[in-house]
Amino acid sequence: MPPVKLKPDSPRLHPRNRNRDRYDVAALVVCLPALAAFVTKSKSGDDTIDFTKPEAVKLLNRALILHNYGLETWDFPDKNLCPPVPGRADYVHYIADVLRENHFGSIPEGPQTTCLDVGVGASAIYPIVGIVEYGWSFIGSDVSEESLTSAEAIKAGNPGLLNNLDLRLQPEGKRIFHGMLKPTDRVDAVLCNPPFHASAEDAIQGTLRKTRNLTGGQQQSPMLNFSGIAKELIFEGGEVKFIQTMMRESRSFSKNVFWFSSLVSKQSHLKALYHELKAIKPVEIKTIPMGTGNKSTRIVAWTFLSKEERKEWREQKTATAPKS
């Protein structure tokens, strides 16, 4: 069936996104004083951050997590990818909207709703947002033991994450679900921010383009705010190949997962991905636009469950929900 497009109400962030309004820089500095060293004045006299400096980008996102999501600690090695918190939070909120469709018109809350973050990374950003906002449980998978060690440290430092986050190593670098998901797992939604470069050279060129855009063409060397270890950024064949692999493997777990989904960075990648979806024959496909006026992305989601299977899934989840 053709994909269904869900249009956001505005080109701004999701209405439930805590980062939707202008940053309260003063409050962020109070929360993380080290950020003060990177605060400057814009031409209009407002406090702003120098986004060309990797230290500033990381400190800003750390401050957003600590201030807006109430974590006690959130840190990870500088070599790892620093996630932009507002955009990552948007993904979680749009997935919550998708789950609402099969939950009596309300967003499911509580640990009986389980999500899988494919490529949880060193920062564990999707589990943090999902657990804080909705109380969900998360499985976080990664091919990097170092990244999982960092995520474990974040989990250990924040009591609110301890019982809701199960971190798992994916032992096979070219696999997504096989070898990691258990036959007994029942996952309501899969989230994934796939590696989008096909090679190291591709990653370097992409980084150069981004830094030049930020500095009006003056910056000639890659900046660490777009850094990330190879496993985070690079997959042979790039983003399309990664998501196609994910789609093919999803067929084997069609009854374990309600909604599969992935971010897709480029509109031009959709044609190949729709072609792959046509081959695996899900029951329903959704394409959900996201982003602000100057940057756009999208989520592609698919499910193999029939209407009757969705009803059974909902009834089972309702039966296992904790009594209030």
C-alpha atoms as a PDB file:
ATOM      1  CA  MET A   1       0.000   0.000   0.000  1.00  0.00           C
ATOM      2  CA  PRO A   2       1.223   3.575  -0.579  1.00  0.00           C
ATOM      3  CA  PRO A   3       2.882   5.319   2.365  1.00  0.00           C
ATOM      4  CA  VAL A   4       0.745   7.650   4.478  1.00  0.00           C
ATOM      5  CA  LYS A   5       2.254  11.091   5.053  1.00  0.00           C
ATOM      6  CA  LEU A   6       1.669  12.783   8.382  1.00  0.00           C
ATOM      7  CA  LYS A   7       2.316  16.528   8.200  1.00  0.00           C
ATOM      8  CA  PRO A   8       3.402  18.421  11.305  1.00  0.00           C
ATOM      9  CA  ASP A   9       1.253  21.387  12.359  1.00  0.00           C
ATOM     10  CA  SER A  10       4.145  23.806  11.839  1.00  0.00           C
ATOM     11  CA  PRO A  11       7.759  23.839  10.659  1.00  0.00           C
ATOM     12  CA  ARG A  12       8.815  24.106  14.321  1.00  0.00           C
ATOM     13  CA  LEU A  13       9.609  21.351  16.765  1.00  0.00           C
ATOM     14  CA  HIS A  14       6.922  18.981  18.017  1.00  0.00           C
ATOM     15  CA  PRO A  15       4.380  20.698  20.338  1.00  0.00           C
ATOM     16  CA  ARG A  16       5.413  18.478  23.279  1.00  0.00           C
ATOM     17  CA  ASN A  17       9.145  19.051  22.776  1.00  0.00           C
ATOM     18  CA  ARG A  18      10.632  20.699  25.894  1.00  0.00           C
ATOM     19  CA  ASN A  19      13.211  22.403  23.655  1.00  0.00           C
ATOM     20  CA  ARG A  20      10.613  24.076  21.411  1.00  0.00           C
ATOM     21  CA  ASP A  21      11.024  27.612  22.738  1.00  0.00           C
ATOM     22  CA  ARG A  22      14.081  29.859  22.644  1.00  0.00           C
ATOM     23  CA  TYR A  23      16.840  28.596  24.923  1.00  0.00           C
ATOM     24  CA  ASP A  24      16.917  30.133  28.402  1.00  0.00           C
ATOM     25  CA  VAL A  25      20.680  30.551  28.297  1.00  0.00           C
ATOM     26  CA  ALA A  26      20.893  32.029  31.809  1.00  0.00           C
ATOM     27  CA  ALA A  27      19.097  29.020  33.290  1.00  0.00           C
ATOM     28  CA  LEU A  28      21.282  26.617  31.304  1.00  0.00           C
ATOM     29  CA  VAL A  29      24.416  28.322  32.626  1.00  0.00           C
ATOM     30  CA  VAL A  30      23.139  28.018  36.187  1.00  0.00           C
ATOM     31  CA  CYS A  31      22.615  24.310  35.552  1.00  0.00           C
ATOM     32  CA  LEU A  32      26.039  23.855  33.898  1.00  0.00           C
ATOM     33  CA  PRO A  33      28.379  26.776  34.737  1.00  0.00           C
ATOM     34  CA  ALA A  34      31.076  25.624  32.293  1.00  0.00           C
ATOM     35  CA  LEU A  35      28.769  26.709  29.465  1.00  0.00           C
ATOM     36  CA  ALA A  36      29.251  30.377  30.438  1.00  0.00           C
ATOM     37  CA  ALA A  37      32.668  30.477  28.750  1.00  0.00           C
ATOM     38  CA  PHE A  38      30.994  29.932  25.367  1.00  0.00           C
ATOM     39  CA  VAL A  39      28.102  32.373  25.670  1.00  0.00           C
ATOM     40  CA  THR A  40      28.311  35.421  23.389  1.00  0.00           C
ATOM     41  CA  LYS A  41      25.993  38.226  22.340  1.00  0.00           C
ATOM     42  CA  SER A  42      24.206  38.132  19.009  1.00  0.00           C
ATOM     43  CA  LYS A  43      23.815  41.220  16.824  1.00  0.00           C
ATOM     44  CA  SER A  44      20.414  41.775  18.414  1.00  0.00           C
ATOM     45  CA  GLY A  45      21.908  41.621  21.901  1.00  0.00           C
ATOM     46  CA  ASP A  46      20.590  38.179  22.864  1.00  0.00           C
ATOM     47  CA  ASP A  47      22.698  35.510  24.538  1.00  0.00           C
ATOM     48  CA  THR A  48      23.810  32.876  22.059  1.00  0.00           C
ATOM     49  CA  ILE A  49      26.258  29.979  21.719  1.00  0.00           C
ATOM     50  CA  ASP A  50      29.175  29.676  19.292  1.00  0.00           C
ATOM     51  CA  PHE A  51      28.106  26.575  17.380  1.00  0.00           C
ATOM     52  CA  THR A  52      31.423  26.369  15.511  1.00  0.00           C
ATOM     53  CA  LYS A  53      33.150  25.221  18.699  1.00  0.00           C
ATOM     54  CA  PRO A  54      32.704  21.539  19.553  1.00  0.00           C
ATOM     55  CA  GLU A  55      33.084  22.147  23.284  1.00  0.00           C
ATOM     56  CA  ALA A  56      30.221  24.649  23.162  1.00  0.00           C
ATOM     57  CA  VAL A  57      27.936  22.269  21.264  1.00  0.00           C
ATOM     58  CA  LYS A  58      28.519  19.451  23.728  1.00  0.00           C
ATOM     59  CA  LEU A  59      28.094  21.678  26.785  1.00  0.00           C
ATOM     60  CA  LEU A  60      24.876  23.143  25.384  1.00  0.00           C
ATOM     61  CA  ASN A  61      23.377  19.699  24.847  1.00  0.00           C
ATOM     62  CA  ARG A  62      24.550  18.545  28.273  1.00  0.00           C
ATOM     63  CA  ALA A  63      22.878  21.585  29.822  1.00  0.00           C
ATOM     64  CA  LEU A  64      19.637  20.877  27.930  1.00  0.00           C
ATOM     65  CA  ILE A  65      19.548  17.298  29.222  1.00  0.00           C
ATOM     66  CA  LEU A  66      20.336  18.272  32.810  1.00  0.00           C
ATOM     67  CA  HIS A  67      17.982  21.267  32.880  1.00  0.00           C
ATOM     68  CA  ASN A  68      15.042  20.043  30.790  1.00  0.00           C
ATOM     69  CA  TYR A  69      15.061  16.334  31.645  1.00  0.00           C
ATOM     70  CA  GLY A  70      16.242  16.395  35.254  1.00  0.00           C
ATOM     71  CA  LEU A  71      19.188  14.025  34.930  1.00  0.00           C
ATOM     72  CA  GLU A  72      21.858  14.037  37.614  1.00  0.00           C
ATOM     73  CA  THR A  73      24.695  13.401  35.173  1.00  0.00           C
ATOM     74  CA  TRP A  74      25.103  13.032  31.404  1.00  0.00           C
ATOM     75  CA  ASP A  75      28.523  12.795  29.817  1.00  0.00           C
ATOM     76  CA  PHE A  76      30.352  10.665  27.256  1.00  0.00           C
ATOM     77  CA  PRO A  77      33.759  10.612  25.498  1.00  0.00           C
ATOM     78  CA  ASP A  78      34.497  13.573  23.227  1.00  0.00           C
ATOM     79  CA  LYS A  79      35.246  11.206  20.340  1.00  0.00           C
ATOM     80  CA  ASN A  80      31.620  10.065  20.252  1.00  0.00           C
ATOM     81  CA  LEU A  81      28.825  11.734  18.327  1.00  0.00           C
ATOM     82  CA  CYS A  82      27.134  14.547  20.258  1.00  0.00           C
ATOM     83  CA  PRO A  83      23.391  14.267  19.614  1.00  0.00           C
ATOM     84  CA  PRO A  84      21.376  17.467  19.086  1.00  0.00           C
ATOM     85  CA  VAL A  85      18.858  17.012  21.875  1.00  0.00           C
ATOM     86  CA  PRO A  86      15.890  18.944  20.361  1.00  0.00           C
ATOM     87  CA  GLY A  87      15.831  16.903  17.144  1.00  0.00           C
ATOM     88  CA  ARG A  88      16.284  13.593  18.934  1.00  0.00           C
ATOM     89  CA  ALA A  89      13.425  14.446  21.290  1.00  0.00           C
ATOM     90  CA  ASP A  90      11.184  15.186  18.312  1.00  0.00           C
ATOM     91  CA  TYR A  91      11.612  11.612  17.032  1.00  0.00           C
ATOM     92  CA  VAL A  92      10.449  10.198  20.369  1.00  0.00           C
ATOM     93  CA  HIS A  93       7.371  12.435  20.435  1.00  0.00           C
ATOM     94  CA  TYR A  94       6.346  11.528  16.887  1.00  0.00           C
ATOM     95  CA  ILE A  95       6.697   7.829  17.715  1.00  0.00           C
ATOM     96  CA  ALA A  96       4.491   8.441  20.753  1.00  0.00           C
ATOM     97  CA  ASP A  97       1.867   9.844  18.370  1.00  0.00           C
ATOM     98  CA  VAL A  98       2.099   6.700  16.247  1.00  0.00           C
ATOM     99  CA  LEU A  99       1.639   4.472  19.314  1.00  0.00           C
ATOM    100  CA  ARG A 100      -1.383   6.539  20.387  1.00  0.00           C
ATOM    101  CA  GLU A 101      -3.278   5.367  17.302  1.00  0.00           C
ATOM    102  CA  ASN A 102      -3.594   1.852  18.746  1.00  0.00           C
ATOM    103  CA  HIS A 103      -4.051   2.853  22.382  1.00  0.00           C
ATOM    104  CA  PHE A 104      -7.596   4.184  22.714  1.00  0.00           C
ATOM    105  CA  GLY A 105      -6.519   7.619  21.443  1.00  0.00           C
ATOM    106  CA  SER A 106      -4.080   8.270  24.282  1.00  0.00           C
ATOM    107  CA  ILE A 107      -0.306   7.928  24.385  1.00  0.00           C
ATOM    108  CA  PRO A 108       0.695   4.743  26.244  1.00  0.00           C
ATOM    109  CA  GLU A 109       2.732   5.493  29.334  1.00  0.00           C
ATOM    110  CA  GLY A 110       4.624   3.276  31.724  1.00  0.00           C
ATOM    111  CA  PRO A 111       7.204   0.481  31.537  1.00  0.00           C
ATOM    112  CA  GLN A 112       4.905  -2.013  29.811  1.00  0.00           C
ATOM    113  CA  THR A 113       5.575  -0.041  26.606  1.00  0.00           C
ATOM    114  CA  THR A 114       8.942  -1.162  25.287  1.00  0.00           C
ATOM    115  CA  CYS A 115      11.058   0.545  22.632  1.00  0.00           C
ATOM    116  CA  LEU A 116      14.252  -0.601  20.943  1.00  0.00           C
ATOM    117  CA  ASP A 117      16.926   1.969  20.109  1.00  0.00           C
ATOM    118  CA  VAL A 118      19.094   0.523  17.342  1.00  0.00           C
ATOM    119  CA  GLY A 119      22.498   2.140  17.831  1.00  0.00           C
ATOM    120  CA  VAL A 120      21.939   3.547  21.311  1.00  0.00           C
ATOM    121  CA  GLY A 121      25.436   5.059  21.232  1.00  0.00           C
ATOM    122  CA  ALA A 122      27.490   6.482  24.066  1.00  0.00           C
ATOM    123  CA  SER A 123      24.854   9.080  24.980  1.00  0.00           C
ATOM    124  CA  ALA A 124      21.680   6.930  25.224  1.00  0.00           C
ATOM    125  CA  ILE A 125      19.657   9.957  24.161  1.00  0.00           C
ATOM    126  CA  TYR A 126      16.475   8.237  22.896  1.00  0.00           C
ATOM    127  CA  PRO A 127      16.028   6.110  26.051  1.00  0.00           C
ATOM    128  CA  ILE A 128      16.568   9.169  28.232  1.00  0.00           C
ATOM    129  CA  VAL A 129      13.841  11.166  26.501  1.00  0.00           C
ATOM    130  CA  GLY A 130      11.426   8.226  26.260  1.00  0.00           C
ATOM    131  CA  ILE A 131      11.861   7.242  29.905  1.00  0.00           C
ATOM    132  CA  VAL A 132      11.587  10.794  31.259  1.00  0.00           C
ATOM    133  CA  GLU A 133       8.648  11.817  29.073  1.00  0.00           C
ATOM    134  CA  TYR A 134       6.581   8.628  29.037  1.00  0.00           C
ATOM    135  CA  GLY A 135       8.068   6.166  31.532  1.00  0.00           C
ATOM    136  CA  TRP A 136       8.723   3.622  28.767  1.00  0.00           C
ATOM    137  CA  SER A 137      11.162   0.732  28.956  1.00  0.00           C
ATOM    138  CA  PHE A 138      14.024   0.645  26.448  1.00  0.00           C
ATOM    139  CA  ILE A 139      16.340  -1.884  24.908  1.00  0.00           C
ATOM    140  CA  GLY A 140      19.464  -0.124  23.653  1.00  0.00           C
ATOM    141  CA  SER A 141      21.611  -2.059  21.185  1.00  0.00           C
ATOM    142  CA  ASP A 142      25.017  -1.181  19.782  1.00  0.00           C
ATOM    143  CA  VAL A 143      27.937  -2.821  17.972  1.00  0.00           C
ATOM    144  CA  SER A 144      30.463  -0.862  20.040  1.00  0.00           C
ATOM    145  CA  GLU A 145      31.384  -2.153  23.500  1.00  0.00           C
ATOM    146  CA  GLU A 146      32.921   1.248  24.288  1.00  0.00           C
ATOM    147  CA  SER A 147      29.668   3.033  23.523  1.00  0.00           C
ATOM    148  CA  LEU A 148      27.724   0.604  25.693  1.00  0.00           C
ATOM    149  CA  THR A 149      30.197   1.163  28.545  1.00  0.00           C
ATOM    150  CA  SER A 150      29.501   4.896  28.329  1.00  0.00           C
ATOM    151  CA  ALA A 151      25.744   4.316  28.192  1.00  0.00           C
ATOM    152  CA  GLU A 152      26.015   2.012  31.225  1.00  0.00           C
ATOM    153  CA  ALA A 153      27.780   4.795  33.147  1.00  0.00           C
ATOM    154  CA  ILE A 154      24.952   7.222  32.309  1.00  0.00           C
ATOM    155  CA  LYS A 155      22.418   4.617  33.413  1.00  0.00           C
ATOM    156  CA  ALA A 156      24.291   3.991  36.683  1.00  0.00           C
ATOM    157  CA  GLY A 157      24.457   7.720  37.431  1.00  0.00           C
ATOM    158  CA  ASN A 158      20.730   8.294  37.058  1.00  0.00           C
ATOM    159  CA  PRO A 159      18.434   6.193  39.273  1.00  0.00           C
ATOM    160  CA  GLY A 160      15.436   6.941  37.070  1.00  0.00           C
ATOM    161  CA  LEU A 161      17.014   4.976  34.221  1.00  0.00           C
ATOM    162  CA  LEU A 162      18.141   1.894  36.143  1.00  0.00           C
ATOM    163  CA  ASN A 163      15.015  -0.253  35.843  1.00  0.00           C
ATOM    164  CA  ASN A 164      13.951   0.944  32.393  1.00  0.00           C
ATOM    165  CA  LEU A 165      17.049   0.496  30.234  1.00  0.00           C
ATOM    166  CA  ASP A 166      18.446  -2.849  29.033  1.00  0.00           C
ATOM    167  CA  LEU A 167      21.701  -2.372  27.098  1.00  0.00           C
ATOM    168  CA  ARG A 168      22.725  -5.124  24.676  1.00  0.00           C
ATOM    169  CA  LEU A 169      25.732  -5.729  22.451  1.00  0.00           C
ATOM    170  CA  GLN A 170      25.034  -6.568  18.816  1.00  0.00           C
ATOM    171  CA  PRO A 171      27.918  -9.011  18.184  1.00  0.00           C
ATOM    172  CA  GLU A 172      27.629  -8.956  14.384  1.00  0.00           C
ATOM    173  CA  GLY A 173      28.525  -5.623  12.800  1.00  0.00           C
ATOM    174  CA  LYS A 174      26.395  -6.121   9.689  1.00  0.00           C
ATOM    175  CA  ARG A 175      23.322  -7.366  11.542  1.00  0.00           C
ATOM    176  CA  ILE A 176      20.533  -5.281  13.040  1.00  0.00           C
ATOM    177  CA  PHE A 177      18.088  -7.554  14.880  1.00  0.00           C
ATOM    178  CA  HIS A 178      19.480 -11.071  14.425  1.00  0.00           C
ATOM    179  CA  GLY A 179      21.647 -12.101  17.367  1.00  0.00           C
ATOM    180  CA  MET A 180      20.340  -9.296  19.571  1.00  0.00           C
ATOM    181  CA  LEU A 181      16.540  -9.531  19.841  1.00  0.00           C
ATOM    182  CA  LYS A 182      15.258 -12.465  21.886  1.00  0.00           C
ATOM    183  CA  PRO A 183      12.332 -14.658  20.764  1.00  0.00           C
ATOM    184  CA  THR A 184      10.404 -13.534  23.847  1.00  0.00           C
ATOM    185  CA  ASP A 185      10.887  -9.791  23.218  1.00  0.00           C
ATOM    186  CA  ARG A 186       7.777  -7.788  22.389  1.00  0.00           C
ATOM    187  CA  VAL A 187       8.739  -4.315  21.220  1.00  0.00           C
ATOM    188  CA  ASP A 188       6.179  -1.595  20.643  1.00  0.00           C
ATOM    189  CA  ALA A 189       8.465   0.627  18.558  1.00  0.00           C
ATOM    190  CA  VAL A 190      11.942   0.515  17.058  1.00  0.00           C
ATOM    191  CA  LEU A 191      13.830   3.816  16.756  1.00  0.00           C
ATOM    192  CA  CYS A 192      17.023   4.232  14.768  1.00  0.00           C
ATOM    193  CA  ASN A 193      19.341   7.061  13.765  1.00  0.00           C
ATOM    194  CA  PRO A 194      21.315   5.143  11.126  1.00  0.00           C
ATOM    195  CA  PRO A 195      24.934   5.747  10.145  1.00  0.00           C
ATOM    196  CA  PHE A 196      24.655   7.928   7.072  1.00  0.00           C
ATOM    197  CA  HIS A 197      28.117   7.724   5.486  1.00  0.00           C
ATOM    198  CA  ALA A 198      29.335   4.946   3.225  1.00  0.00           C
ATOM    199  CA  SER A 199      33.066   5.537   3.877  1.00  0.00           C
ATOM    200  CA  ALA A 200      35.538   7.595   5.898  1.00  0.00           C
ATOM    201  CA  GLU A 201      36.101   9.860   2.888  1.00  0.00           C
ATOM    202  CA  ASP A 202      32.366  10.465   2.580  1.00  0.00           C
ATOM    203  CA  ALA A 203      32.199  11.340   6.297  1.00  0.00           C
ATOM    204  CA  ILE A 204      35.048  13.846   6.016  1.00  0.00           C
ATOM    205  CA  GLN A 205      33.457  15.573   3.032  1.00  0.00           C
ATOM    206  CA  GLY A 206      30.119  15.754   4.813  1.00  0.00           C
ATOM    207  CA  THR A 207      31.771  17.287   7.863  1.00  0.00           C
ATOM    208  CA  LEU A 208      33.564  19.870   5.734  1.00  0.00           C
ATOM    209  CA  ARG A 209      30.294  20.922   4.121  1.00  0.00           C
ATOM    210  CA  LYS A 210      28.611  21.372   7.500  1.00  0.00           C
ATOM    211  CA  THR A 211      31.416  23.380   9.040  1.00  0.00           C
ATOM    212  CA  ARG A 212      31.679  25.625   5.976  1.00  0.00           C
ATOM    213  CA  ASN A 213      27.956  26.297   6.184  1.00  0.00           C
ATOM    214  CA  LEU A 214      28.349  27.368   9.806  1.00  0.00           C
ATOM    215  CA  THR A 215      31.310  29.648   9.160  1.00  0.00           C
ATOM    216  CA  GLY A 216      30.339  31.154   5.818  1.00  0.00           C
ATOM    217  CA  GLY A 217      32.850  29.020   3.952  1.00  0.00           C
ATOM    218  CA  GLN A 218      35.850  29.967   6.102  1.00  0.00           C
ATOM    219  CA  GLN A 219      36.274  26.737   8.070  1.00  0.00           C
ATOM    220  CA  GLN A 220      38.444  24.322   6.105  1.00  0.00           C
ATOM    221  CA  SER A 221      39.039  21.485   8.571  1.00  0.00           C
ATOM    222  CA  PRO A 222      36.532  19.067  10.138  1.00  0.00           C
ATOM    223  CA  MET A 223      35.204  20.142  13.526  1.00  0.00           C
ATOM    224  CA  LEU A 224      34.736  17.746  16.420  1.00  0.00           C
ATOM    225  CA  ASN A 225      31.148  18.818  17.019  1.00  0.00           C
ATOM    226  CA  PHE A 226      30.395  16.666  13.975  1.00  0.00           C
ATOM    227  CA  SER A 227      32.709  13.919  15.174  1.00  0.00           C
ATOM    228  CA  GLY A 228      31.804  10.376  16.030  1.00  0.00           C
ATOM    229  CA  ILE A 229      33.560   7.076  16.003  1.00  0.00           C
ATOM    230  CA  ALA A 230      33.473   5.148  12.737  1.00  0.00           C
ATOM    231  CA  LYS A 231      30.770   2.709  13.850  1.00  0.00           C
ATOM    232  CA  GLU A 232      28.430   5.621  14.588  1.00  0.00           C
ATOM    233  CA  LEU A 233      28.927   7.374  11.262  1.00  0.00           C
ATOM    234  CA  ILE A 234      29.908   4.766   8.692  1.00  0.00           C
ATOM    235  CA  PHE A 235      28.224   1.655   7.271  1.00  0.00           C
ATOM    236  CA  GLU A 236      29.239   0.048   4.002  1.00  0.00           C
ATOM    237  CA  GLY A 237      26.669   1.313   1.521  1.00  0.00           C
ATOM    238  CA  GLY A 238      25.662   4.227   3.749  1.00  0.00           C
ATOM    239  CA  GLU A 239      22.267   5.068   5.185  1.00  0.00           C
ATOM    240  CA  VAL A 240      20.219   3.427   2.434  1.00  0.00           C
ATOM    241  CA  LYS A 241      22.040   0.110   2.751  1.00  0.00           C
ATOM    242  CA  PHE A 242      21.718   0.147   6.548  1.00  0.00           C
ATOM    243  CA  ILE A 243      17.967   0.796   6.478  1.00  0.00           C
ATOM    244  CA  GLN A 244      17.440  -1.748   3.691  1.00  0.00           C
ATOM    245  CA  THR A 245      19.228  -4.334   5.856  1.00  0.00           C
ATOM    246  CA  MET A 246      17.030  -3.317   8.751  1.00  0.00           C
ATOM    247  CA  MET A 247      13.913  -3.690   6.598  1.00  0.00           C
ATOM    248  CA  ARG A 248      14.864  -7.151   5.330  1.00  0.00           C
ATOM    249  CA  GLU A 249      15.645  -8.390   8.845  1.00  0.00           C
ATOM    250  CA  SER A 250      12.426  -6.897  10.203  1.00  0.00           C
ATOM    251  CA  ARG A 251      10.488  -9.514   8.286  1.00  0.00           C
ATOM    252  CA  SER A 252      11.916 -12.207  10.593  1.00  0.00           C
ATOM    253  CA  PHE A 253      10.669 -10.292  13.645  1.00  0.00           C
ATOM    254  CA  SER A 254       7.300  -9.259  12.252  1.00  0.00           C
ATOM    255  CA  LYS A 255       5.406 -10.620  15.273  1.00  0.00           C
ATOM    256  CA  ASN A 256       7.920  -9.394  17.879  1.00  0.00           C
ATOM    257  CA  VAL A 257       7.653  -5.713  16.953  1.00  0.00           C
ATOM    258  CA  PHE A 258       4.580  -3.533  16.444  1.00  0.00           C
ATOM    259  CA  TRP A 259       6.214  -0.577  14.654  1.00  0.00           C
ATOM    260  CA  PHE A 260       9.636  -0.523  13.050  1.00  0.00           C
ATOM    261  CA  SER A 261      11.007   2.906  12.198  1.00  0.00           C
ATOM    262  CA  SER A 262      14.120   4.790  11.166  1.00  0.00           C
ATOM    263  CA  LEU A 263      15.187   8.335  10.503  1.00  0.00           C
ATOM    264  CA  VAL A 264      15.943   9.034   6.832  1.00  0.00           C
ATOM    265  CA  SER A 265      18.243  12.014   6.337  1.00  0.00           C
ATOM    266  CA  LYS A 266      17.647  12.657   2.641  1.00  0.00           C
ATOM    267  CA  GLN A 267      14.423  12.853   0.663  1.00  0.00           C
ATOM    268  CA  SER A 268      16.255  11.285  -2.272  1.00  0.00           C
ATOM    269  CA  HIS A 269      16.760   8.059  -0.295  1.00  0.00           C
ATOM    270  CA  LEU A 270      13.033   7.384  -0.016  1.00  0.00           C
ATOM    271  CA  LYS A 271      12.614   5.875  -3.487  1.00  0.00           C
ATOM    272  CA  ALA A 272      15.032   3.007  -2.790  1.00  0.00           C
ATOM    273  CA  LEU A 273      13.548   2.457   0.663  1.00  0.00           C
ATOM    274  CA  TYR A 274       9.968   2.363  -0.620  1.00  0.00           C
ATOM    275  CA  HIS A 275      11.122  -0.181  -3.190  1.00  0.00           C
ATOM    276  CA  GLU A 276      12.533  -2.344  -0.389  1.00  0.00           C
ATOM    277  CA  LEU A 277       9.317  -2.014   1.601  1.00  0.00           C
ATOM    278  CA  LYS A 278       7.307  -3.107  -1.407  1.00  0.00           C
ATOM    279  CA  ALA A 279       9.395  -6.288  -1.487  1.00  0.00           C
ATOM    280  CA  ILE A 280       8.910  -7.172   2.201  1.00  0.00           C
ATOM    281  CA  LYS A 281       5.184  -6.322   2.121  1.00  0.00           C
ATOM    282  CA  PRO A 282       4.318  -4.678   5.451  1.00  0.00           C
ATOM    283  CA  VAL A 283       0.658  -4.069   6.222  1.00  0.00           C
ATOM    284  CA  GLU A 284       1.120  -0.319   6.700  1.00  0.00           C
ATOM    285  CA  ILE A 285       3.791   2.307   6.022  1.00  0.00           C
ATOM    286  CA  LYS A 286       4.031   5.833   7.417  1.00  0.00           C
ATOM    287  CA  THR A 287       6.284   8.694   6.355  1.00  0.00           C
ATOM    288  CA  ILE A 288       6.450  11.407   9.004  1.00  0.00           C
ATOM    289  CA  PRO A 289       8.149  14.738   8.150  1.00  0.00           C
ATOM    290  CA  MET A 290      10.124  16.416  10.919  1.00  0.00           C
ATOM    291  CA  GLY A 291      12.335  19.442  11.332  1.00  0.00           C
ATOM    292  CA  THR A 292      12.431  23.203  11.429  1.00  0.00           C
ATOM    293  CA  GLY A 293      12.315  25.681   8.588  1.00  0.00           C
ATOM    294  CA  ASN A 294      16.028  25.409   7.779  1.00  0.00           C
ATOM    295  CA  LYS A 295      16.497  21.671   8.294  1.00  0.00           C
ATOM    296  CA  SER A 296      14.188  18.814   7.431  1.00  0.00           C
ATOM    297  CA  THR A 297      14.289  15.080   7.926  1.00  0.00           C
ATOM    298  CA  ARG A 298      11.709  12.341   8.116  1.00  0.00           C
ATOM    299  CA  ILE A 299      10.764   9.087   9.825  1.00  0.00           C
ATOM    300  CA  VAL A 300       9.780   6.016   7.833  1.00  0.00           C
ATOM    301  CA  ALA A 301       7.768   3.513   9.882  1.00  0.00           C
ATOM    302  CA  TRP A 302       6.256   0.150   8.958  1.00  0.00           C
ATOM    303  CA  THR A 303       4.315  -2.680  10.596  1.00  0.00           C
ATOM    304  CA  PHE A 304       3.403  -6.224   9.636  1.00  0.00           C
ATOM    305  CA  LEU A 305       0.546  -6.590  12.131  1.00  0.00           C
ATOM    306  CA  SER A 306      -3.012  -6.996  10.885  1.00  0.00           C
ATOM    307  CA  LYS A 307      -5.961  -5.256  12.537  1.00  0.00           C
ATOM    308  CA  GLU A 308      -6.745  -8.377  14.533  1.00  0.00           C
ATOM    309  CA  GLU A 309      -3.122  -8.765  15.628  1.00  0.00           C
ATOM    310  CA  ARG A 310      -3.024  -5.117  16.679  1.00  0.00           C
ATOM    311  CA  LYS A 311      -6.132  -5.655  18.792  1.00  0.00           C
ATOM    312  CA  GLU A 312      -4.555  -8.694  20.454  1.00  0.00           C
ATOM    313  CA  TRP A 313      -1.339  -6.732  21.071  1.00  0.00           C
ATOM    314  CA  ARG A 314      -3.275  -3.899  22.705  1.00  0.00           C
ATOM    315  CA  GLU A 315      -5.298  -6.274  24.873  1.00  0.00           C
ATOM    316  CA  GLN A 316      -2.181  -8.062  26.049  1.00  0.00           C
ATOM    317  CA  LYS A 317      -0.451  -4.770  26.884  1.00  0.00           C
ATOM    318  CA  THR A 318      -3.535  -3.556  28.749  1.00  0.00           C
ATOM    319  CA  ALA A 319      -3.685  -6.781  30.753  1.00  0.00           C
ATOM    320  CA  THR A 320      -0.041  -6.445  31.843  1.00  0.00           C
ATOM    321  CA  ALA A 321      -0.223  -2.724  32.687  1.00  0.00           C
ATOM    322  CA  PRO A 322       0.291  -1.913  36.381  1.00  0.00           C
ATOM    323  CA  LYS A 323      -2.928  -1.159  38.246  1.00  0.00           C
ATOM    324  CA  SER A 324      -3.297   2.444  39.397  1.00  0.00           C
END
